[in-house]
Amino acid sequence: MGRRIIEISHLTQVVGKSNVEVQLTEGTLDNNEILMLASDGFYGARPGSFSKLVSKLAATASFKDGFDEMVKDFELMRGDDLTVVALKRFT
């Protein structure tokens, strides 16, 4: 799998603040690479197996079906709301 960058606290540190500094980074997803933006309720539901489940998602034949299955798995362990956006590049 490609790069793995998890910056958990950046978004939660600015919620509700009036003067927020935004830094944009431009990049390109490689073929079959996944980009996820998830709330702490999603990531925190299964922190020990998050990477394993994302790797499983990357290997599924149907990204939509694999994503739906991953969300169902996370819902069983959640303690907070689950919010996630997942993008996968296909060529």
C-alpha atoms as a PDB file:
ATOM      1  CA  MET A   1       0.000   0.000   0.000  1.00  0.00           C
ATOM      2  CA  GLY A   2       1.120   3.576  -0.512  1.00  0.00           C
ATOM      3  CA  ARG A   3       1.629   6.396   1.932  1.00  0.00           C
ATOM      4  CA  ARG A   4      -0.119   6.473   5.280  1.00  0.00           C
ATOM      5  CA  ILE A   5      -0.616   9.856   6.894  1.00  0.00           C
ATOM      6  CA  ILE A   6      -2.879  10.223   9.896  1.00  0.00           C
ATOM      7  CA  GLU A   7      -3.264  13.689  11.323  1.00  0.00           C
ATOM      8  CA  ILE A   8      -5.965  13.113  13.905  1.00  0.00           C
ATOM      9  CA  SER A   9      -5.977  16.308  15.910  1.00  0.00           C
ATOM     10  CA  HIS A  10      -5.611  19.104  13.340  1.00  0.00           C
ATOM     11  CA  LEU A  11      -9.288  19.445  12.482  1.00  0.00           C
ATOM     12  CA  THR A  12     -10.573  19.118  16.046  1.00  0.00           C
ATOM     13  CA  GLN A  13      -8.158  21.819  17.230  1.00  0.00           C
ATOM     14  CA  VAL A  14      -9.809  24.468  15.036  1.00  0.00           C
ATOM     15  CA  VAL A  15     -13.511  23.671  15.362  1.00  0.00           C
ATOM     16  CA  GLY A  16     -15.274  26.775  16.674  1.00  0.00           C
ATOM     17  CA  LYS A  17     -12.319  29.145  16.246  1.00  0.00           C
ATOM     18  CA  SER A  18     -12.711  32.345  14.269  1.00  0.00           C
ATOM     19  CA  ASN A  19      -9.145  32.831  12.950  1.00  0.00           C
ATOM     20  CA  VAL A  20      -8.170  29.608  11.258  1.00  0.00           C
ATOM     21  CA  GLU A  21      -5.057  29.302   9.128  1.00  0.00           C
ATOM     22  CA  VAL A  22      -5.525  26.932   6.217  1.00  0.00           C
ATOM     23  CA  GLN A  23      -2.667  25.203   4.440  1.00  0.00           C
ATOM     24  CA  LEU A  24      -3.466  23.588   1.104  1.00  0.00           C
ATOM     25  CA  THR A  25      -1.470  20.692  -0.210  1.00  0.00           C
ATOM     26  CA  GLU A  26      -1.889  19.468  -3.746  1.00  0.00           C
ATOM     27  CA  GLY A  27      -1.218  15.906  -4.729  1.00  0.00           C
ATOM     28  CA  THR A  28      -2.298  13.042  -6.919  1.00  0.00           C
ATOM     29  CA  LEU A  29      -3.655   9.701  -5.821  1.00  0.00           C
ATOM     30  CA  ASP A  30      -1.880   6.727  -7.323  1.00  0.00           C
ATOM     31  CA  ASN A  31      -3.916   3.966  -8.965  1.00  0.00           C
ATOM     32  CA  ASN A  32      -6.025   2.174  -6.315  1.00  0.00           C
ATOM     33  CA  GLU A  33      -4.831   4.537  -3.568  1.00  0.00           C
ATOM     34  CA  ILE A  34      -7.493   5.575  -1.040  1.00  0.00           C
ATOM     35  CA  LEU A  35      -7.931   8.957   0.612  1.00  0.00           C
ATOM     36  CA  MET A  36     -10.106   9.040   3.729  1.00  0.00           C
ATOM     37  CA  LEU A  37     -11.301  11.947   5.833  1.00  0.00           C
ATOM     38  CA  ALA A  38     -12.901  10.556   8.980  1.00  0.00           C
ATOM     39  CA  SER A  39     -14.277  11.895  12.229  1.00  0.00           C
ATOM     40  CA  ASP A  40     -12.860  10.719  15.545  1.00  0.00           C
ATOM     41  CA  GLY A  41     -16.057   8.704  16.014  1.00  0.00           C
ATOM     42  CA  PHE A  42     -15.118   6.701  12.939  1.00  0.00           C
ATOM     43  CA  TYR A  43     -11.386   6.402  13.497  1.00  0.00           C
ATOM     44  CA  GLY A  44     -11.725   5.987  17.264  1.00  0.00           C
ATOM     45  CA  ALA A  45     -14.235   3.146  16.961  1.00  0.00           C
ATOM     46  CA  ARG A  46     -11.572   0.648  15.910  1.00  0.00           C
ATOM     47  CA  PRO A  47      -8.127   2.289  16.341  1.00  0.00           C
ATOM     48  CA  GLY A  48      -6.286  -1.023  16.686  1.00  0.00           C
ATOM     49  CA  SER A  49      -7.597  -2.417  13.415  1.00  0.00           C
ATOM     50  CA  PHE A  50      -8.113   0.747  11.349  1.00  0.00           C
ATOM     51  CA  SER A  51      -5.139   0.129   9.009  1.00  0.00           C
ATOM     52  CA  LYS A  52      -6.059  -3.539   8.571  1.00  0.00           C
ATOM     53  CA  LEU A  53      -9.633  -2.666   7.601  1.00  0.00           C
ATOM     54  CA  VAL A  54      -8.500   0.053   5.163  1.00  0.00           C
ATOM     55  CA  SER A  55      -6.072  -2.425   3.552  1.00  0.00           C
ATOM     56  CA  LYS A  56      -8.950  -4.906   3.237  1.00  0.00           C
ATOM     57  CA  LEU A  57     -11.049  -2.165   1.614  1.00  0.00           C
ATOM     58  CA  ALA A  58      -8.280  -1.430  -0.902  1.00  0.00           C
ATOM     59  CA  ALA A  59      -8.238  -5.085  -1.958  1.00  0.00           C
ATOM     60  CA  THR A  60     -11.992  -5.486  -2.507  1.00  0.00           C
ATOM     61  CA  ALA A  61     -13.341  -5.977  -6.015  1.00  0.00           C
ATOM     62  CA  SER A  62     -16.173  -3.506  -5.376  1.00  0.00           C
ATOM     63  CA  PHE A  63     -15.064  -0.351  -3.552  1.00  0.00           C
ATOM     64  CA  LYS A  64     -18.684   0.564  -2.709  1.00  0.00           C
ATOM     65  CA  ASP A  65     -19.492  -2.883  -1.276  1.00  0.00           C
ATOM     66  CA  GLY A  66     -16.206  -2.985   0.637  1.00  0.00           C
ATOM     67  CA  PHE A  67     -16.796   0.505   2.024  1.00  0.00           C
ATOM     68  CA  ASP A  68     -20.344  -0.376   3.108  1.00  0.00           C
ATOM     69  CA  GLU A  69     -19.022  -3.489   4.857  1.00  0.00           C
ATOM     70  CA  MET A  70     -16.297  -1.523   6.637  1.00  0.00           C
ATOM     71  CA  VAL A  71     -18.807   1.050   7.890  1.00  0.00           C
ATOM     72  CA  LYS A  72     -21.063  -1.743   9.220  1.00  0.00           C
ATOM     73  CA  ASP A  73     -18.068  -3.197  11.068  1.00  0.00           C
ATOM     74  CA  PHE A  74     -17.252   0.189  12.609  1.00  0.00           C
ATOM     75  CA  GLU A  75     -20.890   0.796  13.626  1.00  0.00           C
ATOM     76  CA  LEU A  76     -20.742  -2.243  15.912  1.00  0.00           C
ATOM     77  CA  MET A  77     -17.929  -0.672  17.952  1.00  0.00           C
ATOM     78  CA  ARG A  78     -18.790   3.015  17.853  1.00  0.00           C
ATOM     79  CA  GLY A  79     -19.269   5.280  20.813  1.00  0.00           C
ATOM     80  CA  ASP A  80     -19.804   8.462  18.800  1.00  0.00           C
ATOM     81  CA  ASP A  81     -21.196   9.487  15.432  1.00  0.00           C
ATOM     82  CA  LEU A  82     -19.456   8.070  12.376  1.00  0.00           C
ATOM     83  CA  THR A  83     -18.538  10.431   9.561  1.00  0.00           C
ATOM     84  CA  VAL A  84     -16.250   9.406   6.732  1.00  0.00           C
ATOM     85  CA  VAL A  85     -15.535  10.358   3.137  1.00  0.00           C
ATOM     86  CA  ALA A  86     -13.506   7.863   1.132  1.00  0.00           C
ATOM     87  CA  LEU A  87     -12.110   8.357  -2.358  1.00  0.00           C
ATOM     88  CA  LYS A  88     -10.321   5.775  -4.492  1.00  0.00           C
ATOM     89  CA  ARG A  89      -8.589   6.425  -7.777  1.00  0.00           C
ATOM     90  CA  PHE A  90      -9.375   4.021 -10.591  1.00  0.00           C
ATOM     91  CA  THR A  91      -7.611   4.086 -13.931  1.00  0.00           C
END
